[in-house]
C-alpha atoms as a PDB file:
ATOM      1  CA  MET A   1     119.698 134.292  85.051  1.00  0.00           C
ATOM      2  CA  PHE A   2     119.879 135.080  88.691  1.00  0.00           C
ATOM      3  CA  LEU A   3     122.596 132.819  88.939  1.00  0.00           C
ATOM      4  CA  TYR A   4     124.529 134.293  86.208  1.00  0.00           C
ATOM      5  CA  LYS A   5     124.160 137.926  87.975  1.00  0.00           C
ATOM      6  CA  LEU A   6     125.673 136.431  91.089  1.00  0.00           C
ATOM      7  CA  ASP A   7     128.581 135.093  89.373  1.00  0.00           C
ATOM      8  CA  LEU A   8     129.404 138.246  87.646  1.00  0.00           C
ATOM      9  CA  ILE A   9     129.104 139.841  90.964  1.00  0.00           C
ATOM     10  CA  TRP A  10     131.483 137.451  92.685  1.00  0.00           C
ATOM     11  CA  GLN A  11     133.764 137.958  89.862  1.00  0.00           C
ATOM     12  CA  LEU A  12     133.933 141.640  90.250  1.00  0.00           C
ATOM     13  CA  GLN A  13     134.497 141.172  93.626  1.00  0.00           C
ATOM     14  CA  THR A  14     137.227 138.792  93.324  1.00  0.00           C
ATOM     15  CA  SER A  15     139.042 140.711  90.504  1.00  0.00           C
ATOM     16  CA  LEU A  16     138.562 144.408  92.597  1.00  0.00           C
ATOM     17  CA  SER A  17     139.989 142.847  95.836  1.00  0.00           C
ATOM     18  CA  ALA A  18     143.105 141.292  93.345  1.00  0.00           C
ATOM     19  CA  TYR A  19     143.463 144.544  91.892  1.00  0.00           C
ATOM     20  CA  ILE A  20     143.190 146.517  95.305  1.00  0.00           C
ATOM     21  CA  ASP A  21     145.998 143.962  96.871  1.00  0.00           C
ATOM     22  CA  HIS A  22     148.146 144.523  93.711  1.00  0.00           C
ATOM     23  CA  LEU A  23     148.081 148.501  94.374  1.00  0.00           C
ATOM     24  CA  ARG A  24     148.983 147.796  97.994  1.00  0.00           C
ATOM     25  CA  ILE A  25     152.149 145.996  96.607  1.00  0.00           C
ATOM     26  CA  VAL A  26     153.147 148.571  94.245  1.00  0.00           C
ATOM     27  CA  PHE A  27     152.455 151.980  96.367  1.00  0.00           C
ATOM     28  CA  THR A  28     153.780 152.936  99.594  1.00  0.00           C
ATOM     29  CA  PRO A  29     151.684 154.494 102.274  1.00  0.00           C
ATOM     30  CA  LEU A  30     153.595 157.678 101.694  1.00  0.00           C
ATOM     31  CA  GLN A  31     152.779 157.361  97.836  1.00  0.00           C
ATOM     32  CA  VAL A  32     149.050 157.114  98.737  1.00  0.00           C
ATOM     33  CA  ALA A  33     149.225 159.935 101.021  1.00  0.00           C
ATOM     34  CA  ILE A  34     150.954 162.171  98.448  1.00  0.00           C
ATOM     35  CA  GLY A  35     148.230 161.228  95.938  1.00  0.00           C
ATOM     36  CA  LEU A  36     145.294 161.905  98.464  1.00  0.00           C
ATOM     37  CA  VAL A  37     146.697 165.561  99.151  1.00  0.00           C
ATOM     38  CA  LEU A  38     146.874 166.389  95.315  1.00  0.00           C
ATOM     39  CA  VAL A  39     143.502 164.560  94.478  1.00  0.00           C
ATOM     40  CA  VAL A  40     141.394 165.868  97.357  1.00  0.00           C
ATOM     41  CA  PRO A  41     141.888 169.620  96.888  1.00  0.00           C
ATOM     42  CA  GLY A  42     141.466 169.083  93.053  1.00  0.00           C
ATOM     43  CA  PHE A  43     138.120 167.628  93.506  1.00  0.00           C
ATOM     44  CA  THR A  44     137.245 170.267  95.750  1.00  0.00           C
ATOM     45  CA  LEU A  45     138.119 173.003  93.739  1.00  0.00           C
ATOM     46  CA  LEU A  46     136.675 171.273  90.540  1.00  0.00           C
ATOM     47  CA  PHE A  47     133.112 170.299  92.157  1.00  0.00           C
ATOM     48  CA  MET A  48     132.626 172.175  95.134  1.00  0.00           C
ATOM     49  CA  LEU A  49     133.514 175.513  94.175  1.00  0.00           C
ATOM     50  CA  GLU A  50     132.107 175.588  90.766  1.00  0.00           C
ATOM     51  CA  SER A  51     129.236 177.867  91.647  1.00  0.00           C
ATOM     52  CA  VAL A  52     131.509 180.468  93.447  1.00  0.00           C
ATOM     53  CA  ILE A  53     133.540 180.735  90.358  1.00  0.00           C
ATOM     54  CA  HIS A  54     130.467 180.978  88.228  1.00  0.00           C
ATOM     55  CA  GLY A  55     129.069 183.958  90.282  1.00  0.00           C
ATOM     56  CA  LEU A  56     132.640 185.626  90.261  1.00  0.00           C
ATOM     57  CA  LEU A  57     132.814 185.359  86.716  1.00  0.00           C
ATOM     58  CA  HIS A  58     129.160 186.837  86.281  1.00  0.00           C
ATOM     59  CA  ASN A  59     130.077 189.579  88.429  1.00  0.00           C
ATOM     60  CA  PHE A  60     133.228 190.234  86.386  1.00  0.00           C
ATOM     61  CA  ARG A  61     131.347 190.592  83.043  1.00  0.00           C
ATOM     62  CA  HIS A  62     128.955 193.139  84.467  1.00  0.00           C
ATOM     63  CA  THR A  63     131.971 194.814  85.810  1.00  0.00           C
ATOM     64  CA  VAL A  64     133.655 195.348  82.298  1.00  0.00           C
ATOM     65  CA  GLY A  65     130.283 196.287  81.029  1.00  0.00           C
ATOM     66  CA  VAL A  66     128.979 193.072  79.414  1.00  0.00           C
ATOM     67  CA  THR A  67     125.050 193.273  79.983  1.00  0.00           C
ATOM     68  CA  ARG A  68     123.963 190.398  77.830  1.00  0.00           C
ATOM     69  CA  HIS A  69     125.351 186.845  78.386  1.00  0.00           C
END
């Protein structure tokens, strides 16, 4: 059983490295940079600022008179 798990880990690493090598051929460094420029701010807005947005919506509800929510 242990050797089977090691074999699965080796296959995953091999297939992952092959996939990364394929992506290096398909995408240019400029395309990767543009992708990161688009993805990183989106990740930041989606996950890091969620609590800020929640607080703003909470305050907006109180401002327009919604007291129960």
